[in-house]
Amino acid sequence: MEPIGINFGFLFMQLIVVLVLIGLPIISLMDLAKRKLTGTPLAIWVLIICAIPMLGSLAYWIIKPTPEKV
């Protein structure tokens, strides 16, 4: 324990967790904007990522949607 009562290792880990929780959905939405998705698939992915940020972002990176060939 630190003399002033702050455990900097634990504080650093909390900071990393918060940055991931905020950063992953933002990065996912930015990547989604670069893809050539339009219409319903784009709207569904945006809603999923915004409604359930961590789960939606992880699903986005695992599935990696591609535009449909017409």
N, C-alpha and C. Protein backbone atom coordinates (compact mmCIF):
# COMPACT_ATOMS: atom_id res chain seq x y z
N MET A 1 0.84 -1.18 0.00
CA MET A 1 0.00 0.00 0.00
C MET A 1 0.89 1.24 0.00
N GLU A 2 0.45 2.19 -0.75
CA GLU A 2 1.19 3.44 -0.85
C GLU A 2 1.01 4.26 0.43
N PRO A 3 1.97 5.12 0.74
CA PRO A 3 1.86 5.93 1.95
C PRO A 3 0.62 6.83 1.97
N ILE A 4 0.17 7.29 0.81
CA ILE A 4 -0.99 8.17 0.80
C ILE A 4 -2.30 7.40 0.60
N GLY A 5 -2.25 6.08 0.50
CA GLY A 5 -3.45 5.26 0.42
C GLY A 5 -3.97 5.02 -0.99
N ILE A 6 -3.19 5.35 -2.00
CA ILE A 6 -3.62 5.13 -3.37
C ILE A 6 -2.78 4.02 -3.98
N ASN A 7 -3.43 3.01 -4.48
CA ASN A 7 -2.74 1.93 -5.15
C ASN A 7 -2.72 2.26 -6.65
N PHE A 8 -1.59 2.72 -7.15
CA PHE A 8 -1.51 3.19 -8.52
C PHE A 8 -1.64 2.06 -9.54
N GLY A 9 -1.26 0.84 -9.19
CA GLY A 9 -1.44 -0.29 -10.10
C GLY A 9 -2.91 -0.54 -10.36
N PHE A 10 -3.72 -0.54 -9.31
CA PHE A 10 -5.15 -0.75 -9.45
C PHE A 10 -5.80 0.42 -10.19
N LEU A 11 -5.37 1.62 -9.92
CA LEU A 11 -5.87 2.81 -10.60
C LEU A 11 -5.58 2.73 -12.10
N PHE A 12 -4.38 2.29 -12.45
CA PHE A 12 -3.99 2.14 -13.84
C PHE A 12 -4.86 1.10 -14.55
N MET A 13 -5.15 -0.02 -13.89
CA MET A 13 -6.00 -1.05 -14.47
C MET A 13 -7.41 -0.53 -14.69
N GLN A 14 -7.94 0.23 -13.76
CA GLN A 14 -9.27 0.81 -13.92
C GLN A 14 -9.30 1.78 -15.10
N LEU A 15 -8.25 2.55 -15.26
CA LEU A 15 -8.17 3.49 -16.36
C LEU A 15 -8.17 2.75 -17.69
N ILE A 16 -7.45 1.66 -17.79
CA ILE A 16 -7.41 0.86 -19.02
C ILE A 16 -8.79 0.29 -19.33
N VAL A 17 -9.48 -0.22 -18.31
CA VAL A 17 -10.81 -0.78 -18.52
C VAL A 17 -11.78 0.29 -19.02
N VAL A 18 -11.74 1.46 -18.43
CA VAL A 18 -12.63 2.55 -18.85
C VAL A 18 -12.31 2.98 -20.28
N LEU A 19 -11.04 3.07 -20.62
CA LEU A 19 -10.67 3.45 -21.99
C LEU A 19 -11.14 2.43 -23.00
N VAL A 20 -11.05 1.15 -22.67
CA VAL A 20 -11.54 0.10 -23.57
C VAL A 20 -13.06 0.16 -23.69
N LEU A 21 -13.75 0.36 -22.58
CA LEU A 21 -15.21 0.43 -22.61
C LEU A 21 -15.72 1.60 -23.43
N ILE A 22 -14.98 2.69 -23.45
CA ILE A 22 -15.37 3.86 -24.23
C ILE A 22 -14.80 3.79 -25.64
N GLY A 23 -13.57 3.34 -25.77
CA GLY A 23 -12.88 3.38 -27.05
C GLY A 23 -13.32 2.33 -28.05
N LEU A 24 -13.62 1.12 -27.60
CA LEU A 24 -13.97 0.05 -28.53
C LEU A 24 -15.24 0.36 -29.33
N PRO A 25 -16.32 0.82 -28.70
CA PRO A 25 -17.49 1.18 -29.51
C PRO A 25 -17.22 2.34 -30.48
N ILE A 26 -16.42 3.31 -30.06
CA ILE A 26 -16.11 4.43 -30.94
C ILE A 26 -15.30 3.96 -32.14
N ILE A 27 -14.31 3.12 -31.90
CA ILE A 27 -13.50 2.58 -33.00
C ILE A 27 -14.36 1.72 -33.92
N SER A 28 -15.27 0.95 -33.34
CA SER A 28 -16.16 0.12 -34.15
C SER A 28 -17.06 0.96 -35.04
N LEU A 29 -17.62 2.03 -34.49
CA LEU A 29 -18.47 2.91 -35.30
C LEU A 29 -17.67 3.62 -36.40
N MET A 30 -16.44 4.00 -36.10
CA MET A 30 -15.60 4.64 -37.13
C MET A 30 -15.27 3.65 -38.24
N ASP A 31 -14.98 2.39 -37.89
CA ASP A 31 -14.70 1.38 -38.90
C ASP A 31 -15.96 1.08 -39.71
N LEU A 32 -17.11 1.06 -39.05
CA LEU A 32 -18.37 0.82 -39.74
C LEU A 32 -18.65 1.92 -40.75
N ALA A 33 -18.28 3.15 -40.43
CA ALA A 33 -18.49 4.27 -41.35
C ALA A 33 -17.62 4.13 -42.60
N LYS A 34 -16.45 3.50 -42.47
CA LYS A 34 -15.56 3.31 -43.62
C LYS A 34 -16.05 2.22 -44.57
N ARG A 35 -16.80 1.26 -44.04
CA ARG A 35 -17.28 0.16 -44.88
C ARG A 35 -18.37 0.65 -45.81
N LYS A 36 -18.60 -0.07 -46.87
CA LYS A 36 -19.57 0.32 -47.88
C LYS A 36 -20.97 -0.24 -47.59
N LEU A 37 -21.33 -0.35 -46.32
CA LEU A 37 -22.66 -0.82 -45.97
C LEU A 37 -23.67 0.31 -46.13
N THR A 38 -24.87 -0.02 -46.57
CA THR A 38 -25.91 0.98 -46.71
C THR A 38 -27.22 0.41 -46.20
N GLY A 39 -28.16 1.29 -45.94
CA GLY A 39 -29.51 0.88 -45.60
C GLY A 39 -29.65 0.13 -44.30
N THR A 40 -30.43 -0.94 -44.37
CA THR A 40 -30.80 -1.70 -43.18
C THR A 40 -29.60 -2.33 -42.46
N PRO A 41 -28.66 -2.98 -43.15
CA PRO A 41 -27.53 -3.57 -42.40
C PRO A 41 -26.73 -2.53 -41.61
N LEU A 42 -26.53 -1.36 -42.20
CA LEU A 42 -25.81 -0.29 -41.53
C LEU A 42 -26.57 0.17 -40.28
N ALA A 43 -27.87 0.37 -40.44
CA ALA A 43 -28.69 0.83 -39.31
C ALA A 43 -28.71 -0.20 -38.19
N ILE A 44 -28.80 -1.46 -38.54
CA ILE A 44 -28.83 -2.52 -37.52
C ILE A 44 -27.52 -2.56 -36.75
N TRP A 45 -26.39 -2.47 -37.46
CA TRP A 45 -25.10 -2.49 -36.77
C TRP A 45 -24.92 -1.27 -35.87
N VAL A 46 -25.34 -0.11 -36.34
CA VAL A 46 -25.22 1.09 -35.50
C VAL A 46 -26.07 0.95 -34.25
N LEU A 47 -27.29 0.44 -34.38
CA LEU A 47 -28.16 0.25 -33.22
C LEU A 47 -27.58 -0.78 -32.25
N ILE A 48 -27.05 -1.86 -32.78
CA ILE A 48 -26.47 -2.90 -31.90
C ILE A 48 -25.28 -2.34 -31.14
N ILE A 49 -24.39 -1.64 -31.84
CA ILE A 49 -23.18 -1.11 -31.18
C ILE A 49 -23.55 -0.03 -30.15
N CYS A 50 -24.57 0.79 -30.45
CA CYS A 50 -24.95 1.84 -29.51
C CYS A 50 -25.77 1.30 -28.34
N ALA A 51 -26.61 0.29 -28.58
CA ALA A 51 -27.47 -0.23 -27.52
C ALA A 51 -26.69 -1.11 -26.54
N ILE A 52 -25.80 -1.94 -27.07
CA ILE A 52 -25.02 -2.85 -26.22
C ILE A 52 -23.55 -2.65 -26.60
N PRO A 53 -22.91 -1.61 -26.10
CA PRO A 53 -21.59 -1.22 -26.61
C PRO A 53 -20.53 -2.32 -26.62
N MET A 54 -20.28 -2.98 -25.51
CA MET A 54 -19.20 -3.98 -25.50
C MET A 54 -19.57 -5.21 -26.32
N LEU A 55 -20.75 -5.75 -26.09
CA LEU A 55 -21.17 -6.95 -26.80
C LEU A 55 -21.34 -6.66 -28.29
N GLY A 56 -21.94 -5.52 -28.62
CA GLY A 56 -22.13 -5.15 -30.02
C GLY A 56 -20.81 -4.94 -30.75
N SER A 57 -19.85 -4.31 -30.07
CA SER A 57 -18.54 -4.08 -30.68
C SER A 57 -17.80 -5.39 -30.90
N LEU A 58 -17.85 -6.26 -29.90
CA LEU A 58 -17.19 -7.56 -30.05
C LEU A 58 -17.83 -8.37 -31.17
N ALA A 59 -19.16 -8.35 -31.24
CA ALA A 59 -19.85 -9.06 -32.32
C ALA A 59 -19.46 -8.48 -33.67
N TYR A 60 -19.35 -7.17 -33.75
CA TYR A 60 -18.97 -6.52 -35.00
C TYR A 60 -17.58 -6.98 -35.46
N TRP A 61 -16.63 -7.02 -34.54
CA TRP A 61 -15.27 -7.40 -34.92
C TRP A 61 -15.15 -8.89 -35.21
N ILE A 62 -16.00 -9.70 -34.62
CA ILE A 62 -15.96 -11.15 -34.89
C ILE A 62 -16.61 -11.44 -36.24
N ILE A 63 -17.77 -10.82 -36.52
CA ILE A 63 -18.52 -11.12 -37.73
C ILE A 63 -17.94 -10.38 -38.94
N LYS A 64 -17.47 -9.17 -38.75
CA LYS A 64 -16.91 -8.32 -39.82
C LYS A 64 -17.83 -8.30 -41.03
N PRO A 65 -18.91 -7.52 -40.99
CA PRO A 65 -19.88 -7.51 -42.09
C PRO A 65 -19.29 -6.98 -43.40
N THR A 66 -19.72 -7.56 -44.49
CA THR A 66 -19.29 -7.11 -45.80
C THR A 66 -20.51 -6.66 -46.60
N PRO A 67 -20.32 -5.73 -47.52
CA PRO A 67 -21.47 -5.29 -48.31
C PRO A 67 -21.97 -6.43 -49.20
N GLU A 68 -23.29 -6.48 -49.38
CA GLU A 68 -23.87 -7.51 -50.22
C GLU A 68 -23.61 -7.22 -51.68
N LYS A 69 -23.34 -8.27 -52.43
CA LYS A 69 -23.15 -8.13 -53.87
C LYS A 69 -24.52 -8.12 -54.54
N VAL A 70 -24.75 -7.16 -55.40
CA VAL A 70 -26.05 -7.06 -56.09
C VAL A 70 -25.91 -7.50 -57.51
